[in-house]
Amino acid sequence: MSKLRHIAKGVATLVPPLEAVRRARSHTGGSVSGRYCYGVWLRHLVRAPSVPAALGELGPGDSLGVGLAALLTGCRTYVSLDVVRYANVEANLRVLDEVLELVTARARIPDHDELPGVWPRLDSYGFPHDVLPDEVIEAAVAPERVARIRRAVSEGDEELIRYVVPWQAEDALAGESLDAVVSQAVLEHVDDVPFTHRAVHRWLRHGGWASHTIDCRSHGWADGWGGHWSYSDLEWRLVRGKRPWMLNRYSCSQHAGAAEATGFEITMRLPRTAAEPMPRERVAARLRPVLTDDDLRCDSLFLQVRKA
């Protein structure tokens, strides 16, 4: 019965009046808490080889908070790569103030008790002084720089904050123009995963890195964390309906494999094990030979790669 309910919701998006109501009620789910953005950015940064001068973020949604945290910890340029320009100026200014307070105080990284849904966990949640020494922070949070970041949020300043919307066009961003790219619970939603990795690879300078947290769960579109793998291809198309984005149903191993096939060197691969494995007998026939036993236990993946 659960499948029929989700299929019915998807089919309803094909009916114009019902789809108009759904769109009016929808939002991007962008992060709006300064502590969340601070915690997410530092989880990516502490495992990375360096603080990037030019950072791109895939799919930031309503909030540029991760990018603002990056600018306040030494990044010089932040590029927001999205499908639609969602950013909310008022909310981003509030997040900027929250993150500024945390960075200035060298606050501890919010841990897994505070942010239980954020992967990966860290061995230490203390402020990473070794990665962000005092001279870097003092320069990043100097009053004149913070004032400029604030103006960039409210009025625009492409040297600091740049929007690339939509990013899927081949010429959307110059090749070898970024030092790093991050994404937080985004790669599970892109329709063409190999193209996305190729685009990131093209944007990065040699030696640049990318860091992705990928949520491979069903996101409420099926029973159980792996229930989205139980739908046939036709059923899944009906569940999606006319939604502009949904889940691509890639597994942890498929995401890592797509990055490697692009030419990336995997420098870190941290899977999260689900409380209960997805039973293979529940997996749709086409997907059974594709999903490994490890995939049926992996509900999230932290993946860092390097452009050699």
C-alpha atoms as a PDB file:
ATOM      1  CA  MET A   1       0.000   0.000   0.000  1.00  0.00           C
ATOM      2  CA  SER A   2       2.890   2.358   0.708  1.00  0.00           C
ATOM      3  CA  LYS A   3       4.089   2.075  -2.899  1.00  0.00           C
ATOM      4  CA  LEU A   4       0.646   2.964  -4.201  1.00  0.00           C
ATOM      5  CA  ARG A   5       0.554   6.045  -1.979  1.00  0.00           C
ATOM      6  CA  HIS A   6       3.891   7.337  -3.267  1.00  0.00           C
ATOM      7  CA  ILE A   7       2.965   6.527  -6.872  1.00  0.00           C
ATOM      8  CA  ALA A   8      -0.326   8.400  -6.435  1.00  0.00           C
ATOM      9  CA  LYS A   9       1.541  11.465  -5.165  1.00  0.00           C
ATOM     10  CA  GLY A  10       3.843  11.343  -8.165  1.00  0.00           C
ATOM     11  CA  VAL A  11       0.979  10.960 -10.622  1.00  0.00           C
ATOM     12  CA  ALA A  12      -0.734  13.956  -8.992  1.00  0.00           C
ATOM     13  CA  THR A  13       2.177  16.145 -10.134  1.00  0.00           C
ATOM     14  CA  LEU A  14       1.070  15.424 -13.704  1.00  0.00           C
ATOM     15  CA  VAL A  15      -2.232  17.221 -12.986  1.00  0.00           C
ATOM     16  CA  PRO A  16      -1.574  20.970 -13.431  1.00  0.00           C
ATOM     17  CA  PRO A  17      -3.813  22.316 -10.592  1.00  0.00           C
ATOM     18  CA  LEU A  18      -2.415  19.823  -8.071  1.00  0.00           C
ATOM     19  CA  GLU A  19       1.160  20.455  -9.222  1.00  0.00           C
ATOM     20  CA  ALA A  20       0.649  24.212  -8.779  1.00  0.00           C
ATOM     21  CA  VAL A  21      -0.377  23.640  -5.153  1.00  0.00           C
ATOM     22  CA  ARG A  22       2.638  21.362  -4.548  1.00  0.00           C
ATOM     23  CA  ARG A  23       5.082  23.906  -5.974  1.00  0.00           C
ATOM     24  CA  ALA A  24       3.594  26.686  -3.852  1.00  0.00           C
ATOM     25  CA  ARG A  25       4.235  24.613  -0.729  1.00  0.00           C
ATOM     26  CA  SER A  26       7.680  23.331  -1.687  1.00  0.00           C
ATOM     27  CA  HIS A  27      11.089  24.632  -0.636  1.00  0.00           C
ATOM     28  CA  THR A  28      14.652  23.591  -1.301  1.00  0.00           C
ATOM     29  CA  GLY A  29      15.452  22.471   2.217  1.00  0.00           C
ATOM     30  CA  GLY A  30      18.513  24.695   2.300  1.00  0.00           C
ATOM     31  CA  SER A  31      20.446  24.863   5.557  1.00  0.00           C
ATOM     32  CA  VAL A  32      19.465  27.894   7.656  1.00  0.00           C
ATOM     33  CA  SER A  33      21.352  27.341  10.929  1.00  0.00           C
ATOM     34  CA  GLY A  34      24.754  28.939  11.350  1.00  0.00           C
ATOM     35  CA  ARG A  35      25.878  26.080  13.594  1.00  0.00           C
ATOM     36  CA  TYR A  36      24.834  23.530  10.998  1.00  0.00           C
ATOM     37  CA  CYS A  37      26.723  25.326   8.209  1.00  0.00           C
ATOM     38  CA  TYR A  38      29.806  25.750  10.412  1.00  0.00           C
ATOM     39  CA  GLY A  39      29.716  22.060  11.347  1.00  0.00           C
ATOM     40  CA  VAL A  40      29.247  20.898   7.772  1.00  0.00           C
ATOM     41  CA  TRP A  41      32.032  23.064   6.321  1.00  0.00           C
ATOM     42  CA  LEU A  42      34.578  22.069   8.947  1.00  0.00           C
ATOM     43  CA  ARG A  43      33.772  18.379   8.454  1.00  0.00           C
ATOM     44  CA  HIS A  44      34.762  18.775   4.820  1.00  0.00           C
ATOM     45  CA  LEU A  45      37.757  21.006   5.543  1.00  0.00           C
ATOM     46  CA  VAL A  46      39.505  19.095   8.334  1.00  0.00           C
ATOM     47  CA  ARG A  47      40.003  16.079   6.057  1.00  0.00           C
ATOM     48  CA  ALA A  48      40.992  18.120   3.002  1.00  0.00           C
ATOM     49  CA  PRO A  49      44.585  18.801   1.930  1.00  0.00           C
ATOM     50  CA  SER A  50      44.309  22.599   2.101  1.00  0.00           C
ATOM     51  CA  VAL A  51      42.060  25.629   2.503  1.00  0.00           C
ATOM     52  CA  PRO A  52      40.953  26.444  -1.054  1.00  0.00           C
ATOM     53  CA  ALA A  53      41.272  29.940  -2.468  1.00  0.00           C
ATOM     54  CA  ALA A  54      38.320  29.384  -4.832  1.00  0.00           C
ATOM     55  CA  LEU A  55      35.531  27.088  -3.624  1.00  0.00           C
ATOM     56  CA  GLY A  56      32.458  25.883  -5.502  1.00  0.00           C
ATOM     57  CA  GLU A  57      29.420  24.341  -3.838  1.00  0.00           C
ATOM     58  CA  LEU A  58      26.916  22.160  -5.670  1.00  0.00           C
ATOM     59  CA  GLY A  59      23.274  22.730  -4.771  1.00  0.00           C
ATOM     60  CA  PRO A  60      23.395  25.081  -1.775  1.00  0.00           C
ATOM     61  CA  GLY A  61      19.652  25.777  -2.028  1.00  0.00           C
ATOM     62  CA  ASP A  62      18.182  28.559   0.111  1.00  0.00           C
ATOM     63  CA  SER A  63      21.302  29.065   2.204  1.00  0.00           C
ATOM     64  CA  LEU A  64      24.834  30.035   1.258  1.00  0.00           C
ATOM     65  CA  GLY A  65      25.897  29.233   4.820  1.00  0.00           C
ATOM     66  CA  VAL A  66      28.565  26.667   3.926  1.00  0.00           C
ATOM     67  CA  GLY A  67      30.114  29.156   1.507  1.00  0.00           C
ATOM     68  CA  LEU A  68      29.957  31.950   4.092  1.00  0.00           C
ATOM     69  CA  ALA A  69      31.710  29.675   6.595  1.00  0.00           C
ATOM     70  CA  ALA A  70      34.369  29.041   3.954  1.00  0.00           C
ATOM     71  CA  LEU A  71      34.857  32.771   3.305  1.00  0.00           C
ATOM     72  CA  LEU A  72      35.215  33.376   7.056  1.00  0.00           C
ATOM     73  CA  THR A  73      37.910  30.692   7.313  1.00  0.00           C
ATOM     74  CA  GLY A  74      40.214  31.830   4.535  1.00  0.00           C
ATOM     75  CA  CYS A  75      38.575  31.138   1.166  1.00  0.00           C
ATOM     76  CA  ARG A  76      38.785  34.129  -1.163  1.00  0.00           C
ATOM     77  CA  THR A  77      36.000  33.264  -3.618  1.00  0.00           C
ATOM     78  CA  TYR A  78      32.813  31.213  -3.285  1.00  0.00           C
ATOM     79  CA  VAL A  79      30.818  29.995  -6.309  1.00  0.00           C
ATOM     80  CA  SER A  80      27.235  28.837  -5.782  1.00  0.00           C
ATOM     81  CA  LEU A  81      26.352  26.197  -8.394  1.00  0.00           C
ATOM     82  CA  ASP A  82      22.636  25.504  -8.507  1.00  0.00           C
ATOM     83  CA  VAL A  83      19.693  24.791 -10.794  1.00  0.00           C
ATOM     84  CA  VAL A  84      17.723  27.849  -9.646  1.00  0.00           C
ATOM     85  CA  ARG A  85      18.881  30.890  -7.681  1.00  0.00           C
ATOM     86  CA  TYR A  86      17.168  30.200  -4.369  1.00  0.00           C
ATOM     87  CA  ALA A  87      19.269  32.254  -1.923  1.00  0.00           C
ATOM     88  CA  ASN A  88      17.442  34.257   0.747  1.00  0.00           C
ATOM     89  CA  VAL A  89      19.310  37.483   1.554  1.00  0.00           C
ATOM     90  CA  GLU A  90      17.809  38.059   5.003  1.00  0.00           C
ATOM     91  CA  ALA A  91      18.438  34.479   6.127  1.00  0.00           C
ATOM     92  CA  ASN A  92      21.989  34.509   4.769  1.00  0.00           C
ATOM     93  CA  LEU A  93      22.852  37.712   6.622  1.00  0.00           C
ATOM     94  CA  ARG A  94      21.633  36.097   9.843  1.00  0.00           C
ATOM     95  CA  VAL A  95      23.682  32.963   9.159  1.00  0.00           C
ATOM     96  CA  LEU A  96      26.709  35.138   8.399  1.00  0.00           C
ATOM     97  CA  ASP A  97      26.477  36.712  11.865  1.00  0.00           C
ATOM     98  CA  GLU A  98      26.068  33.313  13.531  1.00  0.00           C
ATOM     99  CA  VAL A  99      29.051  31.780  11.732  1.00  0.00           C
ATOM    100  CA  LEU A 100      31.183  34.884  12.348  1.00  0.00           C
ATOM    101  CA  GLU A 101      30.595  34.519  16.087  1.00  0.00           C
ATOM    102  CA  LEU A 102      31.594  30.853  15.988  1.00  0.00           C
ATOM    103  CA  VAL A 103      34.730  31.420  13.904  1.00  0.00           C
ATOM    104  CA  THR A 104      35.878  34.404  15.966  1.00  0.00           C
ATOM    105  CA  ALA A 105      35.498  32.344  19.150  1.00  0.00           C
ATOM    106  CA  ARG A 106      37.251  29.331  17.549  1.00  0.00           C
ATOM    107  CA  ALA A 107      34.211  27.369  18.717  1.00  0.00           C
ATOM    108  CA  ARG A 108      34.122  23.593  18.829  1.00  0.00           C
ATOM    109  CA  ILE A 109      32.623  21.845  15.840  1.00  0.00           C
ATOM    110  CA  PRO A 110      29.017  20.792  16.596  1.00  0.00           C
ATOM    111  CA  ASP A 111      29.253  17.069  17.291  1.00  0.00           C
ATOM    112  CA  HIS A 112      27.092  14.068  16.372  1.00  0.00           C
ATOM    113  CA  ASP A 113      24.877  14.580  19.441  1.00  0.00           C
ATOM    114  CA  GLU A 114      23.923  18.033  18.168  1.00  0.00           C
ATOM    115  CA  LEU A 115      23.903  17.106  14.471  1.00  0.00           C
ATOM    116  CA  PRO A 116      23.063  13.375  14.494  1.00  0.00           C
ATOM    117  CA  GLY A 117      22.108  13.282  10.828  1.00  0.00           C
ATOM    118  CA  VAL A 118      25.343  14.818   9.536  1.00  0.00           C
ATOM    119  CA  TRP A 119      27.980  12.405   8.274  1.00  0.00           C
ATOM    120  CA  PRO A 120      30.858  11.793   8.853  1.00  0.00           C
ATOM    121  CA  ARG A 121      31.697  11.804  12.517  1.00  0.00           C
ATOM    122  CA  LEU A 122      35.046  13.218  13.592  1.00  0.00           C
ATOM    123  CA  ASP A 123      37.692  11.873  15.944  1.00  0.00           C
ATOM    124  CA  SER A 124      37.919  15.334  17.534  1.00  0.00           C
ATOM    125  CA  TYR A 125      35.435  18.199  17.523  1.00  0.00           C
ATOM    126  CA  GLY A 126      37.843  20.793  18.787  1.00  0.00           C
ATOM    127  CA  PHE A 127      38.521  23.817  16.600  1.00  0.00           C
ATOM    128  CA  PRO A 128      41.134  22.759  13.981  1.00  0.00           C
ATOM    129  CA  HIS A 129      43.930  25.195  14.860  1.00  0.00           C
ATOM    130  CA  ASP A 130      46.389  23.189  12.779  1.00  0.00           C
ATOM    131  CA  VAL A 131      44.284  23.731   9.648  1.00  0.00           C
ATOM    132  CA  LEU A 132      43.198  27.269  10.530  1.00  0.00           C
ATOM    133  CA  PRO A 133      45.967  29.086  12.406  1.00  0.00           C
ATOM    134  CA  ASP A 134      45.272  32.441  14.045  1.00  0.00           C
ATOM    135  CA  GLU A 135      46.774  34.505  11.237  1.00  0.00           C
ATOM    136  CA  VAL A 136      44.395  32.935   8.700  1.00  0.00           C
ATOM    137  CA  ILE A 137      41.340  33.550  10.881  1.00  0.00           C
ATOM    138  CA  GLU A 138      42.309  37.096  11.823  1.00  0.00           C
ATOM    139  CA  ALA A 139      42.665  38.036   8.158  1.00  0.00           C
ATOM    140  CA  ALA A 140      39.403  36.311   7.214  1.00  0.00           C
ATOM    141  CA  VAL A 141      37.321  38.012   9.925  1.00  0.00           C
ATOM    142  CA  ALA A 142      38.910  41.464   9.740  1.00  0.00           C
ATOM    143  CA  PRO A 143      36.135  44.093  10.014  1.00  0.00           C
ATOM    144  CA  GLU A 144      36.625  45.447   6.500  1.00  0.00           C
ATOM    145  CA  ARG A 145      36.492  41.942   5.011  1.00  0.00           C
ATOM    146  CA  VAL A 146      33.345  40.995   6.935  1.00  0.00           C
ATOM    147  CA  ALA A 147      31.724  44.238   5.769  1.00  0.00           C
ATOM    148  CA  ARG A 148      32.576  43.336   2.186  1.00  0.00           C
ATOM    149  CA  ILE A 149      31.128  39.834   2.588  1.00  0.00           C
ATOM    150  CA  ARG A 150      27.976  41.369   4.012  1.00  0.00           C
ATOM    151  CA  ARG A 151      27.674  43.690   0.994  1.00  0.00           C
ATOM    152  CA  ALA A 152      28.288  40.749  -1.334  1.00  0.00           C
ATOM    153  CA  VAL A 153      25.348  38.882   0.214  1.00  0.00           C
ATOM    154  CA  SER A 154      22.945  41.826   0.061  1.00  0.00           C
ATOM    155  CA  GLU A 155      24.110  43.714  -3.047  1.00  0.00           C
ATOM    156  CA  GLY A 156      26.411  41.364  -4.961  1.00  0.00           C
ATOM    157  CA  ASP A 157      30.169  41.147  -5.499  1.00  0.00           C
ATOM    158  CA  GLU A 158      31.272  38.489  -7.973  1.00  0.00           C
ATOM    159  CA  GLU A 159      34.861  38.580  -6.771  1.00  0.00           C
ATOM    160  CA  LEU A 160      33.608  37.202  -3.446  1.00  0.00           C
ATOM    161  CA  ILE A 161      30.317  35.420  -4.152  1.00  0.00           C
ATOM    162  CA  ARG A 162      29.314  34.288  -7.613  1.00  0.00           C
ATOM    163  CA  TYR A 163      26.177  32.494  -8.740  1.00  0.00           C
ATOM    164  CA  VAL A 164      26.272  30.008 -11.623  1.00  0.00           C
ATOM    165  CA  VAL A 165      22.680  29.102 -12.478  1.00  0.00           C
ATOM    166  CA  PRO A 166      22.106  26.647 -14.041  1.00  0.00           C
ATOM    167  CA  TRP A 167      25.472  24.972 -13.729  1.00  0.00           C
ATOM    168  CA  GLN A 168      24.734  22.073 -16.129  1.00  0.00           C
ATOM    169  CA  ALA A 169      25.667  24.054 -19.259  1.00  0.00           C
ATOM    170  CA  GLU A 170      29.057  23.071 -20.684  1.00  0.00           C
ATOM    171  CA  ASP A 171      30.339  26.652 -20.585  1.00  0.00           C
ATOM    172  CA  ALA A 172      28.741  27.592 -17.237  1.00  0.00           C
ATOM    173  CA  LEU A 173      32.113  27.811 -15.502  1.00  0.00           C
ATOM    174  CA  ALA A 174      35.631  28.045 -16.870  1.00  0.00           C
ATOM    175  CA  GLY A 175      37.820  24.965 -16.713  1.00  0.00           C
ATOM    176  CA  GLU A 176      40.468  24.825 -13.971  1.00  0.00           C
ATOM    177  CA  SER A 177      38.950  27.816 -12.174  1.00  0.00           C
ATOM    178  CA  LEU A 178      38.315  26.221  -8.758  1.00  0.00           C
ATOM    179  CA  ASP A 179      40.559  24.756  -6.069  1.00  0.00           C
ATOM    180  CA  ALA A 180      37.803  22.693  -4.436  1.00  0.00           C
ATOM    181  CA  VAL A 181      34.158  21.686  -4.792  1.00  0.00           C
ATOM    182  CA  VAL A 182      31.904  20.502  -1.970  1.00  0.00           C
ATOM    183  CA  SER A 183      28.389  19.108  -1.828  1.00  0.00           C
ATOM    184  CA  GLN A 184      26.212  18.151   1.105  1.00  0.00           C
ATOM    185  CA  ALA A 185      23.400  15.663   0.405  1.00  0.00           C
ATOM    186  CA  VAL A 186      23.239  16.747  -3.255  1.00  0.00           C
ATOM    187  CA  LEU A 187      24.800  14.050  -5.459  1.00  0.00           C
ATOM    188  CA  GLU A 188      21.968  11.632  -4.692  1.00  0.00           C
ATOM    189  CA  HIS A 189      19.603  14.073  -6.436  1.00  0.00           C
ATOM    190  CA  VAL A 190      21.416  14.844  -9.702  1.00  0.00           C
ATOM    191  CA  ASP A 191      20.000  13.071 -12.747  1.00  0.00           C
ATOM    192  CA  ASP A 192      23.355  12.453 -14.456  1.00  0.00           C
ATOM    193  CA  VAL A 193      25.974  11.435 -11.893  1.00  0.00           C
ATOM    194  CA  PRO A 194      28.820  10.741 -14.385  1.00  0.00           C
ATOM    195  CA  PHE A 195      28.274  14.136 -16.068  1.00  0.00           C
ATOM    196  CA  THR A 196      28.387  15.838 -12.677  1.00  0.00           C
ATOM    197  CA  HIS A 197      31.748  14.271 -11.817  1.00  0.00           C
ATOM    198  CA  ARG A 198      33.085  15.203 -15.263  1.00  0.00           C
ATOM    199  CA  ALA A 199      31.978  18.792 -14.738  1.00  0.00           C
ATOM    200  CA  VAL A 200      33.622  18.971 -11.312  1.00  0.00           C
ATOM    201  CA  HIS A 201      36.796  17.435 -12.742  1.00  0.00           C
ATOM    202  CA  ARG A 202      36.862  20.063 -15.497  1.00  0.00           C
ATOM    203  CA  TRP A 203      36.335  22.958 -13.079  1.00  0.00           C
ATOM    204  CA  LEU A 204      39.125  21.895 -10.724  1.00  0.00           C
ATOM    205  CA  ARG A 205      42.730  22.935 -11.117  1.00  0.00           C
ATOM    206  CA  HIS A 206      45.311  20.149 -11.113  1.00  0.00           C
ATOM    207  CA  GLY A 207      45.705  18.933  -7.556  1.00  0.00           C
ATOM    208  CA  GLY A 208      42.288  20.327  -6.632  1.00  0.00           C
ATOM    209  CA  TRP A 209      39.935  18.340  -4.450  1.00  0.00           C
ATOM    210  CA  ALA A 210      36.240  17.592  -4.129  1.00  0.00           C
ATOM    211  CA  SER A 211      34.375  16.521  -1.011  1.00  0.00           C
ATOM    212  CA  HIS A 212      30.890  15.021  -1.040  1.00  0.00           C
ATOM    213  CA  THR A 213      28.532  13.769   1.632  1.00  0.00           C
ATOM    214  CA  ILE A 214      25.984  11.556  -0.139  1.00  0.00           C
ATOM    215  CA  ASP A 215      22.750  10.374   1.480  1.00  0.00           C
ATOM    216  CA  CYS A 216      21.722   7.107  -0.169  1.00  0.00           C
ATOM    217  CA  ARG A 217      18.521   6.684   1.843  1.00  0.00           C
ATOM    218  CA  SER A 218      14.975   6.751   0.447  1.00  0.00           C
ATOM    219  CA  HIS A 219      14.207  10.289   1.738  1.00  0.00           C
ATOM    220  CA  GLY A 220      10.674   9.295   2.694  1.00  0.00           C
ATOM    221  CA  TRP A 221       9.684   8.137  -0.812  1.00  0.00           C
ATOM    222  CA  ALA A 222       9.546   4.492   0.287  1.00  0.00           C
ATOM    223  CA  ASP A 223       9.291   2.328   3.387  1.00  0.00           C
ATOM    224  CA  GLY A 224      12.674   1.710   4.984  1.00  0.00           C
ATOM    225  CA  TRP A 225      15.952   3.472   4.256  1.00  0.00           C
ATOM    226  CA  GLY A 226      16.579   1.373   1.098  1.00  0.00           C
ATOM    227  CA  GLY A 227      12.995   1.070  -0.099  1.00  0.00           C
ATOM    228  CA  HIS A 228      13.594   3.251  -3.171  1.00  0.00           C
ATOM    229  CA  TRP A 229      15.504   0.300  -4.655  1.00  0.00           C
ATOM    230  CA  SER A 230      12.366  -1.845  -4.496  1.00  0.00           C
ATOM    231  CA  TYR A 231      10.568   0.074  -7.281  1.00  0.00           C
ATOM    232  CA  SER A 232      10.714  -1.002 -10.899  1.00  0.00           C
ATOM    233  CA  ASP A 233      11.892   1.667 -13.344  1.00  0.00           C
ATOM    234  CA  LEU A 234       8.305   2.365 -14.427  1.00  0.00           C
ATOM    235  CA  GLU A 235       7.088   2.635 -10.845  1.00  0.00           C
ATOM    236  CA  TRP A 236       9.926   5.022 -10.027  1.00  0.00           C
ATOM    237  CA  ARG A 237       9.097   7.237 -13.014  1.00  0.00           C
ATOM    238  CA  LEU A 238       5.531   7.438 -11.721  1.00  0.00           C
ATOM    239  CA  VAL A 239       6.721   8.293  -8.201  1.00  0.00           C
ATOM    240  CA  ARG A 240       8.795  11.136  -9.604  1.00  0.00           C
ATOM    241  CA  GLY A 241       6.049  12.485 -11.854  1.00  0.00           C
ATOM    242  CA  LYS A 242       6.899  16.056 -12.881  1.00  0.00           C
ATOM    243  CA  ARG A 243       9.169  16.807  -9.931  1.00  0.00           C
ATOM    244  CA  PRO A 244      12.222  18.695 -11.246  1.00  0.00           C
ATOM    245  CA  TRP A 245      14.559  16.609  -9.089  1.00  0.00           C
ATOM    246  CA  MET A 246      14.326  13.499  -6.956  1.00  0.00           C
ATOM    247  CA  LEU A 247      16.654  10.560  -6.213  1.00  0.00           C
ATOM    248  CA  ASN A 248      18.907   8.951  -8.807  1.00  0.00           C
ATOM    249  CA  ARG A 249      18.977   5.687  -6.780  1.00  0.00           C
ATOM    250  CA  TYR A 250      22.762   5.351  -7.088  1.00  0.00           C
ATOM    251  CA  SER A 251      24.340   3.240  -4.352  1.00  0.00           C
ATOM    252  CA  CYS A 252      27.486   4.089  -2.383  1.00  0.00           C
ATOM    253  CA  SER A 253      29.690   1.942  -4.622  1.00  0.00           C
ATOM    254  CA  GLN A 254      28.167   3.438  -7.778  1.00  0.00           C
ATOM    255  CA  HIS A 255      28.881   6.984  -6.601  1.00  0.00           C
ATOM    256  CA  ALA A 256      32.492   6.105  -5.820  1.00  0.00           C
ATOM    257  CA  GLY A 257      32.849   4.226  -9.104  1.00  0.00           C
ATOM    258  CA  ALA A 258      31.519   7.165 -11.112  1.00  0.00           C
ATOM    259  CA  ALA A 259      34.125   9.458  -9.537  1.00  0.00           C
ATOM    260  CA  GLU A 260      36.948   7.016 -10.287  1.00  0.00           C
ATOM    261  CA  ALA A 261      35.775   6.511 -13.867  1.00  0.00           C
ATOM    262  CA  THR A 262      36.084  10.263 -14.392  1.00  0.00           C
ATOM    263  CA  GLY A 263      39.764  10.139 -13.467  1.00  0.00           C
ATOM    264  CA  PHE A 264      39.581  11.186  -9.843  1.00  0.00           C
ATOM    265  CA  GLU A 265      41.830   9.621  -7.244  1.00  0.00           C
ATOM    266  CA  ILE A 266      39.783   8.647  -4.177  1.00  0.00           C
ATOM    267  CA  THR A 267      41.586   9.959  -1.101  1.00  0.00           C
ATOM    268  CA  MET A 268      38.900   9.167   1.472  1.00  0.00           C
ATOM    269  CA  ARG A 269      35.873   6.894   1.435  1.00  0.00           C
ATOM    270  CA  LEU A 270      33.854   6.650   4.648  1.00  0.00           C
ATOM    271  CA  PRO A 271      30.606   4.652   4.416  1.00  0.00           C
ATOM    272  CA  ARG A 272      27.965   4.744   7.121  1.00  0.00           C
ATOM    273  CA  THR A 273      26.402   1.394   7.972  1.00  0.00           C
ATOM    274  CA  ALA A 274      22.623   1.304   8.276  1.00  0.00           C
ATOM    275  CA  ALA A 275      21.032  -0.146  11.393  1.00  0.00           C
ATOM    276  CA  GLU A 276      19.479  -2.905   9.280  1.00  0.00           C
ATOM    277  CA  PRO A 277      20.550  -4.031   5.773  1.00  0.00           C
ATOM    278  CA  MET A 278      18.145  -3.707   2.863  1.00  0.00           C
ATOM    279  CA  PRO A 279      16.941  -7.280   2.123  1.00  0.00           C
ATOM    280  CA  ARG A 280      18.107  -8.294  -1.346  1.00  0.00           C
ATOM    281  CA  GLU A 281      14.782 -10.014  -2.058  1.00  0.00           C
ATOM    282  CA  ARG A 282      13.073  -6.604  -1.804  1.00  0.00           C
ATOM    283  CA  VAL A 283      15.332  -5.068  -4.473  1.00  0.00           C
ATOM    284  CA  ALA A 284      13.833  -4.651  -7.956  1.00  0.00           C
ATOM    285  CA  ALA A 285      15.040  -7.282 -10.436  1.00  0.00           C
ATOM    286  CA  ARG A 286      17.102  -4.872 -12.583  1.00  0.00           C
ATOM    287  CA  LEU A 287      18.977  -3.511  -9.560  1.00  0.00           C
ATOM    288  CA  ARG A 288      19.784  -6.804  -7.819  1.00  0.00           C
ATOM    289  CA  PRO A 289      22.955  -7.555  -9.826  1.00  0.00           C
ATOM    290  CA  VAL A 290      24.035  -3.893  -9.567  1.00  0.00           C
ATOM    291  CA  LEU A 291      23.925  -3.513  -5.785  1.00  0.00           C
ATOM    292  CA  THR A 292      26.699  -5.157  -3.775  1.00  0.00           C
ATOM    293  CA  ASP A 293      26.207  -6.634  -0.329  1.00  0.00           C
ATOM    294  CA  ASP A 294      28.033  -3.599   1.069  1.00  0.00           C
ATOM    295  CA  ASP A 295      25.626  -1.286  -0.802  1.00  0.00           C
ATOM    296  CA  LEU A 296      22.696  -2.930   0.959  1.00  0.00           C
ATOM    297  CA  ARG A 297      24.254  -1.875   4.279  1.00  0.00           C
ATOM    298  CA  CYS A 298      25.582   1.585   3.272  1.00  0.00           C
ATOM    299  CA  ASP A 299      23.049   4.384   3.762  1.00  0.00           C
ATOM    300  CA  SER A 300      25.481   7.329   3.439  1.00  0.00           C
ATOM    301  CA  LEU A 301      28.935   7.987   2.052  1.00  0.00           C
ATOM    302  CA  PHE A 302      31.580  10.641   2.685  1.00  0.00           C
ATOM    303  CA  LEU A 303      33.765  10.784  -0.410  1.00  0.00           C
ATOM    304  CA  GLN A 304      36.839  12.937  -0.985  1.00  0.00           C
ATOM    305  CA  VAL A 305      38.653  12.862  -4.293  1.00  0.00           C
ATOM    306  CA  ARG A 306      41.613  14.584  -5.890  1.00  0.00           C
ATOM    307  CA  LYS A 307      42.297  15.655  -9.471  1.00  0.00           C
ATOM    308  CA  ALA A 308      45.705  14.185 -10.079  1.00  0.00           C
END
